[in-house]
Amino acid sequence: MELSNAKADRIGIKNILFIFFISFILVLPQIMNKSIILGADSIFHFNRFYDTYMQFRTGNFSYFQTNFGFQQSGRIINALYGPLLAYGMGALLYIVHSWLKFQVLTSFFVFFLSGYTMNVLAVKVGSSRRVANITSVLFMGSFWVGKWTIDQNFMSIGNALMPLIVLMGIKMLKNDGENLRVLQLALCVSLVIQVHLLSAAIAIGVLLSFFVVSIVKNDNKLDLFFKCVKAALLSLILTFNVWWALIEVYTGNSLYGPYPSNLAKSAVNLSLDKPDFWHLGLAVSALFLVQISLLVVHWTEFTVINKVTTILGTILLVLASNLFPWEFVDNNYPVIKTFLQFPARFETMAFILLVLGLNLSILEIKTRISTEILTTFTLVIALLGVIQTYGNIQNLSVRCSSGSPVANKTNVIFKSNNDSEIKKAFRSNNLKRGLEIVEKPTPDYMPMPNLKSKAEHSYAQYNEDFISTKNQASKKVRGNILVISWHASKVGSKKKIPITLYKNSILTLNGKKISKNEMKLDRMSVPTIVSDKKGKNVVKLEYKSKIVSKVSLSAMYMCWGISLVSYTFGRRKRHEVS
C-alpha cells in the first residue's frame, strides 16, 4: 500500500506524538523518584562518557587514549566501542551536567528511537496507523529495549536501530528504484557500526541473508549486486575510524577480551512466566508461536516477504535458545564466549522479524474477523509488555531512591558503603565524584605484554593496578598527553606507574623517550620505571596512531556531512515529485 506524501506526513506526526507520550510514561518513574539507577554496565559506560565529556569541557581531545575516565589509566576503549556515539553522549553530558538528567534523557531517547524505527518499518510494509502504533509499543516494552534504563546495556541502543536494518533487507527483496537506495543502505549500516559492533555483526548477518534470497528471487541480479557493493564501499569510508582502530589495536597488541560467558547457560527459552534475561515470558512466547503457526497454516497465501522474515526470525530465535548446540560451541570455539557472550542477544532481531511477520499476516489474511483477532491479540501483548517494563523501572527507581543506587553490585568496588553518600556523589556537580566512590575493575581491551603473561584473574589484576594500588601519582592532562609526576627519594628508585601501554604508546621520562625494554611491565602492561633523578620525576604518555589522525577523522566526518545532506535533499526531491 502506497501513501501520498501529505497523508504520510499527517500520519507520521500523529505516530510521533504517540511514541513521544509512551516514551515519557516509561521514564516517568525515574523522574518522579529522582533516582539514579546504577545497573550492571552503568559504571563502565559512565566512565566512557565522562572521558568524552571532559574532552569537550577542557578542549583536551584524545581519540584513542583515555585521559579522564577509568582511573586516568591511558587505556583504549571508546575508539573500539561505539566511538561516534561515545562523543555524542559526552556532548549531551556536557550540556546537562548531571548524571540523573543524562540517564533520564538517554532512556527517553532509546525508548523513542525504538518506537520510531519500528513504526517506520510497520508503515513501510503497509500497516495501518493503529497497527503501526501497537507494534511500536510492543517493541518499546520489550525486555532488551528496557535494558538501557535498567542496566545501561549498550545493546539496547543498537537494538533500537535494528528495524531500519530489517527495512533495508525488505527493500533488497523488492529491489527497484523506489526501494533500495545505495546511500540509505550505507547510512543505516554505518550508523549501527558506529554505535555497537556486536549489533552491527548481527545486522550484517541478517542483511546477508536477505541479500542471498534477493539474488535468487530477483531478475535484476547485477543491479542488486552493484548497489550492495557500492553501499558497502561507502560504509567502509563512513566507518573508517572503527575498523582501522580495530585493526591497529588488535594486530599490534594482545588484549583482554570481555568476560567469557558460558554460552549454554546464557541462552533464552520459551517460558510461561515473566520475561527476563533467560526467559521470553508467556506473552512473547505466545506471540512467536502464533506467527510461526500462521506461516505453516497459511503458507500458500503469504507473500515472500512474510515467509522470509518469519523463517529468518525463527532461525534467530533458535540461535538465541538452547535448541542450538551452544555447549558444543562452548567447548570448541572459546573465542565466541568473549565476543558474543550471551546467545540471548539474538532475541531482539528475532523479535523484530517475527513481529513484522505478524504485521504482514494481519495484512495478508483475508477474513476480517481473523485480522481483528490478530490485532487485538497483538495489542494485549503490547500492553502487557509495556506494563511489565514500567513496573520494572518503577520498582527499581523506588529501590534505588530509598536505598543504594547500585542496583547490580557484581564486581563493584565501593570506596564508601554509605548509601546517602553514594547518592549525593552521583548528584554532585562534580561528575567525577560518584565514579571515584563506586568503581568497577572491567579489564576489556586492556593490553598484556604477551599471551603467556595473561592474568588468570583479570578483574583482580585491574583492581590491584589501578583501584586499590598504593602506587598513586599526580595526573594531569595537557592536550592529548597524560602527564604523571611523583617524587623519588633517590636516583634509581623504582616506581610502578598506574597507566597502561599499547604498541603505539609513547612514553617519556623527564623529557627523554624510553622504550618498553627499559622498564618492567606487569600482566596489564603497567610499567615500573627507574627514576633517573632525585625529587620530582615526570612521565608523559601519548598514543600515536599510524592512520587515524585529525586529518583522516575530519575527512570521514566531512563524508558523513555530505552523505546526510545528499540523503536529505534527495528525499525532499522525491517527495516533491510524488
Protein backbone atom coordinates (compact mmCIF):
# COMPACT_ATOMS: atom_id res chain seq x y z
CA MET A 1 0.00 0.00 0.00
CA GLU A 2 1.47 3.35 -1.07
CA LEU A 3 0.60 6.52 0.81
CA SER A 4 0.57 10.00 -0.62
CA ASN A 5 3.18 12.41 0.72
CA ALA A 6 0.64 14.60 2.52
CA LYS A 7 -1.12 11.69 4.13
CA ALA A 8 2.18 10.10 5.14
CA ASP A 9 3.24 13.34 6.84
CA ARG A 10 -0.06 13.64 8.72
CA ILE A 11 0.03 10.05 9.97
CA GLY A 12 3.72 10.45 10.81
CA ILE A 13 3.07 13.39 13.12
CA LYS A 14 0.33 11.52 14.99
CA ASN A 15 2.53 8.46 15.34
CA ILE A 16 5.46 10.55 16.58
CA LEU A 17 3.31 12.23 19.23
CA PHE A 18 2.02 8.83 20.35
CA ILE A 19 5.56 7.40 20.62
CA PHE A 20 6.68 10.53 22.48
CA PHE A 21 3.88 10.01 25.02
CA ILE A 22 4.69 6.32 25.63
CA SER A 23 8.40 7.14 25.98
CA PHE A 24 7.60 9.80 28.57
CA ILE A 25 5.40 7.39 30.53
CA LEU A 26 8.22 4.82 30.65
CA VAL A 27 10.78 7.29 32.08
CA LEU A 28 8.26 8.86 34.48
CA PRO A 29 9.18 6.57 37.43
CA GLN A 30 12.78 7.78 37.36
CA ILE A 31 11.67 11.41 37.08
CA MET A 32 9.18 11.13 39.96
CA ASN A 33 11.61 9.29 42.24
CA LYS A 34 14.65 11.34 41.13
CA SER A 35 16.61 8.11 41.24
CA ILE A 36 19.87 7.26 39.54
CA ILE A 37 19.93 3.58 38.59
CA LEU A 38 23.39 2.04 38.50
CA GLY A 39 22.96 -1.28 36.72
CA ALA A 40 25.42 -3.92 35.55
CA ASP A 41 27.07 -1.77 32.86
CA SER A 42 26.46 1.74 34.24
CA ILE A 43 29.88 2.37 35.80
CA PHE A 44 31.68 1.13 32.68
CA HIS A 45 29.72 3.37 30.29
CA PHE A 46 29.62 6.34 32.68
CA ASN A 47 33.43 6.29 32.65
CA ARG A 48 33.41 6.25 28.84
CA PHE A 49 31.06 9.22 28.64
CA TYR A 50 32.82 11.10 31.43
CA ASP A 51 36.02 10.88 29.41
CA THR A 52 34.46 12.43 26.29
CA TYR A 53 32.57 14.94 28.48
CA MET A 54 35.88 16.13 29.93
CA GLN A 55 37.38 16.34 26.45
CA PHE A 56 34.61 18.77 25.49
CA ARG A 57 34.93 20.64 28.77
CA THR A 58 38.71 21.08 28.71
CA GLY A 59 39.38 21.08 24.98
CA ASN A 60 42.00 18.35 25.53
CA PHE A 61 40.90 15.83 22.91
CA SER A 62 42.34 12.33 22.69
CA TYR A 63 40.61 9.92 20.33
CA PHE A 64 42.41 6.75 21.45
CA GLN A 65 43.88 7.30 24.91
CA THR A 66 41.54 7.58 27.91
CA ASN A 67 42.92 10.51 29.91
CA PHE A 68 39.98 11.32 32.20
CA GLY A 69 37.85 8.20 32.78
CA PHE A 70 38.83 4.76 34.07
CA GLN A 71 41.26 5.98 36.75
CA GLN A 72 43.10 8.02 34.07
CA SER A 73 44.82 4.81 33.03
CA GLY A 74 45.51 5.73 29.41
CA ARG A 75 43.64 2.63 28.22
CA ILE A 76 41.83 2.46 24.86
CA ILE A 77 38.08 1.92 24.90
CA ASN A 78 35.99 4.50 23.04
CA ALA A 79 37.99 4.14 19.82
CA LEU A 80 36.98 0.45 19.78
CA TYR A 81 33.47 0.72 21.19
CA GLY A 82 30.87 2.95 19.52
CA PRO A 83 33.18 5.96 19.07
CA LEU A 84 30.73 8.31 17.38
CA LEU A 85 28.01 7.70 19.96
CA ALA A 86 30.53 7.97 22.82
CA TYR A 87 31.26 11.55 21.77
CA GLY A 88 27.55 12.20 21.29
CA MET A 89 26.89 11.01 24.84
CA GLY A 90 29.77 13.11 26.14
CA ALA A 91 28.32 16.17 24.40
CA LEU A 92 24.91 15.53 25.98
CA LEU A 93 26.51 15.14 29.41
CA TYR A 94 28.37 18.41 28.83
CA ILE A 95 25.03 20.15 28.12
CA VAL A 96 23.02 18.75 31.07
CA HIS A 97 25.94 18.41 33.55
CA SER A 98 24.00 15.88 35.65
CA TRP A 99 24.05 12.09 35.79
CA LEU A 100 20.33 11.95 36.63
CA LYS A 101 19.27 14.22 33.75
CA PHE A 102 21.62 12.34 31.45
CA GLN A 103 20.12 8.99 32.43
CA VAL A 104 16.52 10.16 32.03
CA LEU A 105 17.17 11.83 28.66
CA THR A 106 19.08 8.88 27.22
CA SER A 107 16.41 6.44 28.44
CA PHE A 108 13.75 8.58 26.78
CA PHE A 109 15.84 8.68 23.61
CA VAL A 110 16.25 4.88 23.47
CA PHE A 111 12.53 4.27 24.02
CA PHE A 112 11.58 6.92 21.46
CA LEU A 113 14.10 5.72 18.87
CA SER A 114 12.98 2.10 19.20
CA GLY A 115 9.33 3.10 18.87
CA TYR A 116 10.01 5.40 15.93
CA THR A 117 12.11 2.94 13.90
CA MET A 118 9.60 0.13 14.49
CA ASN A 119 6.81 2.47 13.41
CA VAL A 120 8.67 3.36 10.22
CA LEU A 121 9.15 -0.34 9.47
CA ALA A 122 5.47 -1.16 10.07
CA VAL A 123 4.22 1.76 7.97
CA LYS A 124 6.61 0.95 5.11
CA VAL A 125 5.21 -2.58 4.78
CA GLY A 126 1.68 -1.18 4.60
CA SER A 127 0.37 -1.43 8.19
CA SER A 128 -2.35 0.95 9.31
CA ARG A 129 -1.54 3.72 11.79
CA ARG A 130 -3.29 1.72 14.52
CA VAL A 131 -1.29 -1.46 13.89
CA ALA A 132 1.96 0.52 13.49
CA ASN A 133 1.42 2.16 16.88
CA ILE A 134 0.65 -1.18 18.52
CA THR A 135 3.85 -2.59 17.01
CA SER A 136 5.84 0.36 18.34
CA VAL A 137 4.51 -0.16 21.87
CA LEU A 138 5.26 -3.87 21.58
CA PHE A 139 8.91 -3.14 20.78
CA MET A 140 9.30 -0.30 23.31
CA GLY A 141 8.08 -2.60 26.07
CA SER A 142 10.37 -5.48 25.12
CA PHE A 143 12.99 -6.72 27.56
CA TRP A 144 16.11 -5.77 25.59
CA VAL A 145 15.00 -2.20 24.87
CA GLY A 146 14.31 -1.61 28.58
CA LYS A 147 17.78 -2.94 29.45
CA TRP A 148 19.25 0.51 28.77
CA THR A 149 17.30 2.10 31.62
CA ILE A 150 17.82 -0.83 33.98
CA ASP A 151 21.44 -1.76 33.19
CA GLN A 152 22.82 0.80 30.72
CA ASN A 153 23.19 -2.15 28.36
CA PHE A 154 24.60 -0.72 25.13
CA MET A 155 22.97 -3.41 23.02
CA SER A 156 19.66 -1.63 23.66
CA ILE A 157 20.76 1.32 21.53
CA GLY A 158 21.91 -1.00 18.76
CA ASN A 159 18.57 -2.83 19.04
CA ALA A 160 16.67 0.44 18.63
CA LEU A 161 18.22 0.80 15.15
CA MET A 162 17.58 -2.78 14.04
CA PRO A 163 14.13 -2.13 12.47
CA LEU A 164 15.92 0.09 9.93
CA ILE A 165 18.23 -2.81 9.08
CA VAL A 166 15.24 -5.10 8.52
CA LEU A 167 13.65 -2.40 6.35
CA MET A 168 16.80 -2.35 4.19
CA GLY A 169 16.51 -6.14 3.87
CA ILE A 170 12.93 -5.86 2.67
CA LYS A 171 13.97 -3.21 0.17
CA MET A 172 16.55 -5.67 -1.14
CA LEU A 173 13.76 -8.17 -1.79
CA LYS A 174 11.83 -5.57 -3.76
CA ASN A 175 14.94 -4.07 -5.43
CA ASP A 176 13.54 -1.35 -7.61
CA GLY A 177 14.47 2.31 -7.97
CA GLU A 178 11.99 3.43 -5.34
CA ASN A 179 13.00 0.90 -2.71
CA LEU A 180 16.70 0.05 -2.46
CA ARG A 181 18.92 3.12 -2.48
CA VAL A 182 22.69 2.93 -2.04
CA LEU A 183 23.02 5.97 0.24
CA GLN A 184 20.20 4.90 2.54
CA LEU A 185 21.59 1.37 2.91
CA ALA A 186 25.11 2.65 3.59
CA LEU A 187 23.94 5.18 6.20
CA CYS A 188 21.85 2.61 8.11
CA VAL A 189 24.67 0.06 8.30
CA SER A 190 27.29 2.70 9.13
CA LEU A 191 25.17 4.13 11.94
CA VAL A 192 24.84 0.72 13.62
CA ILE A 193 28.61 0.11 13.27
CA GLN A 194 29.34 3.49 14.89
CA VAL A 195 27.02 2.60 17.79
CA HIS A 196 27.64 -1.04 18.71
CA LEU A 197 29.87 -3.58 16.98
CA LEU A 198 28.04 -6.75 18.04
CA SER A 199 24.71 -5.26 16.92
CA ALA A 200 26.42 -4.44 13.62
CA ALA A 201 27.64 -8.04 13.24
CA ILE A 202 24.10 -9.36 13.75
CA ALA A 203 22.70 -6.69 11.42
CA ILE A 204 25.16 -7.56 8.65
CA GLY A 205 24.36 -11.26 9.07
CA VAL A 206 20.64 -10.52 8.62
CA LEU A 207 21.30 -8.30 5.59
CA LEU A 208 23.44 -11.02 4.02
CA SER A 209 20.54 -13.45 4.48
CA PHE A 210 18.17 -11.03 2.75
CA PHE A 211 20.78 -10.47 0.04
CA VAL A 212 21.11 -14.19 -0.75
CA VAL A 213 17.33 -14.63 -1.00
CA SER A 214 17.05 -11.47 -3.09
CA ILE A 215 19.75 -12.61 -5.52
CA VAL A 216 17.92 -15.92 -6.02
CA LYS A 217 14.48 -14.29 -6.32
CA ASN A 218 15.28 -11.12 -8.28
CA ASP A 219 15.57 -10.94 -12.06
CA ASN A 220 17.84 -7.89 -11.96
CA LYS A 221 20.65 -9.59 -10.05
CA LEU A 222 23.52 -7.43 -11.30
CA ASP A 223 21.76 -4.21 -10.32
CA LEU A 224 21.17 -5.54 -6.80
CA PHE A 225 24.75 -6.79 -6.53
CA PHE A 226 26.33 -3.50 -7.58
CA LYS A 227 24.02 -1.47 -5.34
CA CYS A 228 25.12 -3.53 -2.35
CA VAL A 229 28.81 -3.30 -3.33
CA LYS A 230 28.56 0.50 -3.64
CA ALA A 231 26.78 0.71 -0.27
CA ALA A 232 29.46 -1.49 1.34
CA LEU A 233 32.28 0.68 -0.03
CA LEU A 234 30.60 3.88 1.16
CA SER A 235 30.01 2.28 4.57
CA LEU A 236 33.71 1.41 4.81
CA ILE A 237 34.51 5.10 4.33
CA LEU A 238 31.88 6.22 6.85
CA THR A 239 33.18 3.76 9.46
CA PHE A 240 36.88 4.14 8.71
CA ASN A 241 37.56 5.16 12.31
CA VAL A 242 36.06 1.95 13.68
CA TRP A 243 37.61 -0.74 11.51
CA TRP A 244 41.06 0.84 11.28
CA ALA A 245 41.22 1.33 15.05
CA LEU A 246 40.26 -2.33 15.50
CA ILE A 247 42.90 -3.49 13.01
CA GLU A 248 45.61 -1.29 14.52
CA VAL A 249 44.97 -2.10 18.18
CA TYR A 250 44.18 -5.80 17.78
CA THR A 251 47.03 -6.64 15.40
CA GLY A 252 49.62 -4.73 17.42
CA ASN A 253 48.64 -5.89 20.90
CA SER A 254 47.50 -8.87 22.94
CA LEU A 255 44.29 -7.71 24.63
CA TYR A 256 41.99 -8.84 27.41
CA GLY A 257 38.54 -9.50 25.97
CA PRO A 258 35.13 -9.08 27.59
CA TYR A 259 34.39 -11.58 30.34
CA PRO A 260 33.86 -15.05 28.77
CA SER A 261 30.35 -16.30 29.40
CA ASN A 262 29.01 -19.84 29.47
CA LEU A 263 27.03 -19.77 26.22
CA ALA A 264 24.78 -22.70 27.10
CA LYS A 265 23.73 -21.00 30.34
CA SER A 266 23.22 -17.62 28.65
CA ALA A 267 20.61 -18.68 26.12
CA VAL A 268 16.95 -17.71 26.29
CA ASN A 269 13.98 -20.09 26.28
CA LEU A 270 10.23 -20.09 25.83
CA SER A 271 8.53 -19.79 29.21
CA LEU A 272 5.20 -19.36 30.97
CA ASP A 273 6.35 -16.73 33.48
CA LYS A 274 7.58 -13.11 33.26
CA PRO A 275 10.30 -12.16 30.76
CA ASP A 276 13.89 -11.88 31.98
CA PHE A 277 17.39 -12.49 30.66
CA TRP A 278 16.86 -16.27 30.33
CA HIS A 279 13.14 -16.42 29.53
CA LEU A 280 10.95 -14.92 26.80
CA GLY A 281 7.93 -14.84 29.08
CA LEU A 282 4.42 -16.12 28.39
CA ALA A 283 3.23 -13.19 26.25
CA VAL A 284 6.20 -13.04 23.86
CA SER A 285 6.41 -16.84 23.66
CA ALA A 286 2.74 -16.92 22.62
CA LEU A 287 3.29 -14.18 20.04
CA PHE A 288 6.21 -16.02 18.44
CA LEU A 289 4.36 -19.35 18.37
CA VAL A 290 1.26 -17.75 16.84
CA GLN A 291 3.21 -16.20 13.95
CA ILE A 292 5.21 -19.37 13.26
CA SER A 293 1.95 -21.37 13.28
CA LEU A 294 0.27 -18.86 10.96
CA LEU A 295 3.11 -19.26 8.46
CA VAL A 296 2.65 -23.04 8.43
CA VAL A 297 -1.15 -22.87 8.07
CA HIS A 298 -1.26 -20.04 5.50
CA TRP A 299 1.93 -20.82 3.57
CA THR A 300 0.31 -20.53 0.14
CA GLU A 301 -1.42 -17.23 1.00
CA PHE A 302 1.56 -15.38 2.49
CA THR A 303 3.96 -13.21 0.50
CA VAL A 304 7.65 -13.92 0.02
CA ILE A 305 8.48 -11.07 2.43
CA ASN A 306 6.37 -12.63 5.19
CA LYS A 307 7.90 -16.05 4.59
CA VAL A 308 11.49 -14.76 4.60
CA THR A 309 11.08 -12.57 7.71
CA THR A 310 9.32 -15.30 9.68
CA ILE A 311 11.77 -18.04 8.71
CA LEU A 312 14.76 -15.79 9.44
CA GLY A 313 13.19 -14.74 12.75
CA THR A 314 12.66 -18.38 13.68
CA ILE A 315 16.29 -19.23 12.87
CA LEU A 316 17.49 -16.37 15.09
CA LEU A 317 15.12 -17.50 17.84
CA VAL A 318 16.71 -20.95 17.69
CA LEU A 319 20.17 -19.32 17.83
CA ALA A 320 19.09 -17.39 20.92
CA SER A 321 17.90 -20.55 22.66
CA ASN A 322 19.30 -23.85 23.88
CA LEU A 323 17.82 -25.55 20.82
CA PHE A 324 21.14 -24.59 19.25
CA PRO A 325 24.11 -26.71 20.49
CA TRP A 326 25.79 -23.94 22.47
CA GLU A 327 27.53 -26.41 24.76
CA PHE A 328 29.43 -27.76 21.73
CA VAL A 329 30.37 -24.19 20.71
CA ASP A 330 31.43 -23.52 24.31
CA ASN A 331 33.87 -26.40 24.23
CA ASN A 332 35.25 -25.97 20.71
CA TYR A 333 35.14 -22.25 19.87
CA PRO A 334 36.06 -20.33 23.04
CA VAL A 335 36.59 -17.02 21.19
CA ILE A 336 32.80 -16.77 20.73
CA LYS A 337 32.43 -16.77 24.52
CA THR A 338 34.07 -13.34 24.70
CA PHE A 339 32.68 -11.78 21.51
CA LEU A 340 29.04 -12.90 21.67
CA GLN A 341 28.98 -13.66 25.43
CA PHE A 342 25.20 -14.24 25.51
CA PRO A 343 23.24 -16.08 22.78
CA ALA A 344 20.15 -14.33 24.20
CA ARG A 345 21.36 -11.27 22.29
CA PHE A 346 19.91 -12.79 19.10
CA GLU A 347 16.46 -12.47 20.65
CA THR A 348 15.82 -8.84 19.69
CA MET A 349 16.36 -9.36 15.97
CA ALA A 350 14.17 -12.47 16.15
CA PHE A 351 11.58 -10.33 17.95
CA ILE A 352 11.60 -7.64 15.24
CA LEU A 353 11.36 -10.14 12.38
CA LEU A 354 8.58 -12.23 13.92
CA VAL A 355 6.57 -9.15 14.95
CA LEU A 356 6.97 -7.82 11.42
CA GLY A 357 5.77 -11.19 10.16
CA LEU A 358 2.69 -10.87 12.37
CA ASN A 359 2.07 -7.39 10.95
CA LEU A 360 2.20 -8.83 7.45
CA SER A 361 -0.09 -11.68 8.48
CA ILE A 362 -2.67 -9.14 9.65
CA LEU A 363 -2.50 -7.59 6.17
CA GLU A 364 -2.47 -10.85 4.23
CA ILE A 365 -5.11 -12.95 5.98
CA LYS A 366 -8.27 -12.26 4.04
CA THR A 367 -11.04 -12.67 6.64
CA ARG A 368 -11.88 -9.55 8.64
CA ILE A 369 -12.58 -11.45 11.86
CA SER A 370 -9.14 -13.11 11.76
CA THR A 371 -7.49 -9.72 11.20
CA GLU A 372 -9.31 -8.19 14.18
CA ILE A 373 -8.45 -11.15 16.42
CA LEU A 374 -4.74 -10.88 15.50
CA THR A 375 -4.73 -7.10 16.01
CA THR A 376 -6.40 -7.43 19.42
CA PHE A 377 -4.01 -10.23 20.38
CA THR A 378 -1.01 -8.06 19.44
CA LEU A 379 -2.46 -5.12 21.39
CA VAL A 380 -2.84 -7.24 24.53
CA ILE A 381 0.77 -8.49 24.24
CA ALA A 382 1.99 -4.91 23.70
CA LEU A 383 0.14 -3.61 26.76
CA LEU A 384 1.42 -6.45 28.93
CA GLY A 385 4.99 -5.74 27.80
CA VAL A 386 4.88 -2.00 28.43
CA ILE A 387 3.18 -2.50 31.83
CA GLN A 388 5.87 -5.04 32.77
CA THR A 389 8.67 -2.66 31.70
CA TYR A 390 7.07 0.27 33.52
CA GLY A 391 6.72 -1.87 36.65
CA ASN A 392 10.37 -2.98 36.50
CA ILE A 393 11.57 0.63 36.17
CA GLN A 394 9.22 1.82 38.92
CA ASN A 395 10.32 -0.89 41.38
CA LEU A 396 13.99 -0.27 40.63
CA SER A 397 13.57 3.51 40.88
CA VAL A 398 11.94 3.23 44.31
CA ARG A 399 14.60 0.80 45.49
CA CYS A 400 17.47 2.98 44.26
CA SER A 401 15.86 6.12 45.68
CA SER A 402 15.28 4.73 49.17
CA GLY A 403 18.38 2.52 49.36
CA SER A 404 21.57 2.12 47.36
CA PRO A 405 21.53 3.43 43.77
CA VAL A 406 23.76 0.49 42.83
CA ALA A 407 21.20 -2.00 41.55
CA ASN A 408 23.80 -4.55 40.46
CA LYS A 409 26.82 -4.97 42.77
CA THR A 410 28.64 -7.71 40.83
CA ASN A 411 32.40 -6.90 40.73
CA VAL A 412 31.71 -3.40 42.06
CA ILE A 413 34.26 -1.86 44.44
CA PHE A 414 32.92 0.66 46.95
CA LYS A 415 35.10 3.37 48.47
CA SER A 416 32.10 4.15 50.68
CA ASN A 417 29.29 1.86 51.82
CA ASN A 418 27.09 4.78 52.85
CA ASP A 419 24.07 4.86 50.50
CA SER A 420 23.40 8.54 51.16
CA GLU A 421 26.99 9.45 50.36
CA ILE A 422 26.88 7.47 47.11
CA LYS A 423 23.63 9.15 46.03
CA LYS A 424 24.98 12.56 46.97
CA ALA A 425 28.16 11.90 44.97
CA PHE A 426 26.24 10.99 41.80
CA ARG A 427 24.03 14.07 42.19
CA SER A 428 27.03 16.33 42.71
CA ASN A 429 28.09 18.95 40.17
CA ASN A 430 31.45 17.19 40.23
CA LEU A 431 30.60 14.32 37.88
CA LYS A 432 33.82 12.51 38.75
CA ARG A 433 32.92 12.19 42.43
CA GLY A 434 30.50 9.31 42.00
CA LEU A 435 32.93 7.43 39.76
CA GLU A 436 35.59 7.71 42.47
CA ILE A 437 33.33 6.21 45.15
CA VAL A 438 31.85 3.41 43.03
CA GLU A 439 34.37 1.70 40.74
CA LYS A 440 34.37 -1.41 38.61
CA PRO A 441 37.59 -3.15 37.51
CA THR A 442 36.43 -4.04 33.98
CA PRO A 443 39.55 -5.13 32.03
CA ASP A 444 38.08 -5.08 28.48
CA TYR A 445 40.66 -4.08 25.80
CA MET A 446 43.47 -3.79 28.35
CA PRO A 447 46.84 -4.87 26.89
CA MET A 448 49.19 -7.53 28.17
CA PRO A 449 52.91 -7.88 27.29
CA ASN A 450 52.15 -11.24 25.62
CA LEU A 451 49.63 -14.07 25.82
CA LYS A 452 51.85 -16.05 28.22
CA SER A 453 51.69 -13.23 30.76
CA LYS A 454 47.88 -13.04 30.78
CA ALA A 455 46.47 -12.63 34.28
CA GLU A 456 44.34 -15.56 35.40
CA HIS A 457 42.02 -13.22 37.30
CA SER A 458 41.87 -10.10 35.15
CA TYR A 459 39.38 -8.21 37.33
CA ALA A 460 41.59 -8.71 40.38
CA GLN A 461 44.66 -7.62 38.40
CA TYR A 462 42.95 -4.41 37.26
CA ASN A 463 41.86 -3.70 40.82
CA GLU A 464 45.41 -4.19 42.06
CA ASP A 465 46.95 -1.98 39.37
CA PHE A 466 44.51 0.93 39.23
CA ILE A 467 41.94 0.97 42.03
CA SER A 468 43.43 -0.35 45.27
CA THR A 469 47.01 0.47 44.27
CA LYS A 470 49.28 2.29 46.67
CA ASN A 471 51.38 3.47 43.73
CA GLN A 472 49.48 6.71 43.38
CA ALA A 473 50.85 9.63 41.41
CA SER A 474 49.69 13.07 40.35
CA LYS A 475 47.99 13.03 36.94
CA LYS A 476 47.25 15.98 34.67
CA VAL A 477 46.15 16.28 31.05
CA ARG A 478 47.80 18.56 28.51
CA GLY A 479 46.35 18.32 25.04
CA ASN A 480 46.24 14.61 24.21
CA ILE A 481 49.06 13.80 26.64
CA LEU A 482 48.68 12.31 30.12
CA VAL A 483 51.28 13.79 32.49
CA ILE A 484 52.19 11.78 35.60
CA SER A 485 54.52 13.10 38.30
CA TRP A 486 55.89 11.82 41.61
CA HIS A 487 58.79 12.42 43.98
CA ALA A 488 61.65 9.93 44.06
CA SER A 489 63.62 9.55 47.28
CA LYS A 490 66.83 8.84 45.34
CA VAL A 491 68.25 8.23 41.88
CA GLY A 492 67.47 4.70 40.69
CA SER A 493 64.39 4.22 42.87
CA LYS A 494 61.62 2.21 41.22
CA LYS A 495 58.06 3.44 40.75
CA LYS A 496 55.10 1.48 39.39
CA ILE A 497 53.06 3.99 37.38
CA PRO A 498 49.28 3.33 37.24
CA ILE A 499 49.00 3.62 33.45
CA THR A 500 48.96 1.02 30.68
CA LEU A 501 51.00 0.83 27.47
CA TYR A 502 49.97 -0.26 23.96
CA LYS A 503 52.23 -0.83 20.96
CA ASN A 504 51.83 2.75 19.72
CA SER A 505 52.03 4.34 23.17
CA ILE A 506 54.90 6.81 23.53
CA LEU A 507 56.39 7.26 27.00
CA THR A 508 58.93 9.88 28.06
CA LEU A 509 60.69 10.20 31.42
CA ASN A 510 61.87 13.70 32.29
CA GLY A 511 61.84 14.64 28.60
CA LYS A 512 63.64 11.50 27.35
CA LYS A 513 61.81 8.85 25.36
CA ILE A 514 62.02 5.39 26.93
CA SER A 515 61.26 2.05 25.28
CA LYS A 516 59.42 -0.91 26.77
CA ASN A 517 62.75 -2.73 27.04
CA GLU A 518 63.90 -0.17 29.61
CA MET A 519 61.08 -0.93 32.03
CA LYS A 520 59.31 -3.84 33.61
CA LEU A 521 55.70 -4.45 32.51
CA ASP A 522 53.23 -6.37 34.65
CA ARG A 523 50.34 -8.55 33.42
CA MET A 524 48.39 -5.49 32.24
CA SER A 525 51.34 -3.69 30.71
CA VAL A 526 51.63 -1.38 33.71
CA PRO A 527 55.23 -0.09 33.75
CA THR A 528 57.67 0.03 36.63
CA ILE A 529 60.10 2.86 35.91
CA VAL A 530 63.53 3.58 37.36
CA SER A 531 63.86 7.25 38.34
CA ASP A 532 66.83 8.98 36.74
CA LYS A 533 66.91 11.79 39.29
CA LYS A 534 66.06 12.55 42.89
CA GLY A 535 62.96 14.61 43.60
CA LYS A 536 60.23 15.33 41.07
CA ASN A 537 60.05 12.96 38.12
CA VAL A 538 57.65 13.44 35.21
CA VAL A 539 56.35 10.80 32.81
CA LYS A 540 54.33 11.75 29.73
CA LEU A 541 52.08 9.23 27.97
CA GLU A 542 50.77 9.70 24.45
CA TYR A 543 49.20 7.39 21.86
CA LYS A 544 50.08 7.98 18.21
CA SER A 545 48.05 6.14 15.58
CA LYS A 546 49.67 5.50 12.22
CA ILE A 547 46.49 6.18 10.24
CA VAL A 548 43.68 7.58 12.42
CA SER A 549 44.54 11.26 12.81
CA LYS A 550 42.78 14.61 13.00
CA VAL A 551 43.02 14.89 9.21
CA SER A 552 41.59 11.42 8.48
CA LEU A 553 38.84 11.83 11.09
CA SER A 554 37.93 15.24 9.67
CA ALA A 555 37.71 13.71 6.19
CA MET A 556 35.41 10.98 7.49
CA TYR A 557 33.17 13.49 9.30
CA MET A 558 33.02 15.50 6.08
CA CYS A 559 31.85 12.37 4.24
CA TRP A 560 29.13 11.93 6.87
CA GLY A 561 28.04 15.54 6.37
CA ILE A 562 27.94 15.23 2.58
CA SER A 563 26.07 11.90 2.79
CA LEU A 564 23.44 13.23 5.21
CA VAL A 565 22.89 16.42 3.18
CA SER A 566 22.62 14.38 -0.04
CA TYR A 567 20.15 11.99 1.58
CA THR A 568 18.02 14.86 2.94
CA PHE A 569 17.87 16.73 -0.37
CA GLY A 570 17.27 13.52 -2.32
CA ARG A 571 14.38 12.56 -0.08
CA ARG A 572 12.86 16.04 -0.29
CA LYS A 573 13.14 16.00 -4.07
CA ARG A 574 11.41 12.60 -4.31
CA HIS A 575 8.58 13.86 -2.10
CA GLU A 576 8.13 16.94 -4.28
CA VAL A 577 7.92 14.76 -7.38
CA SER A 578 5.39 12.43 -5.76
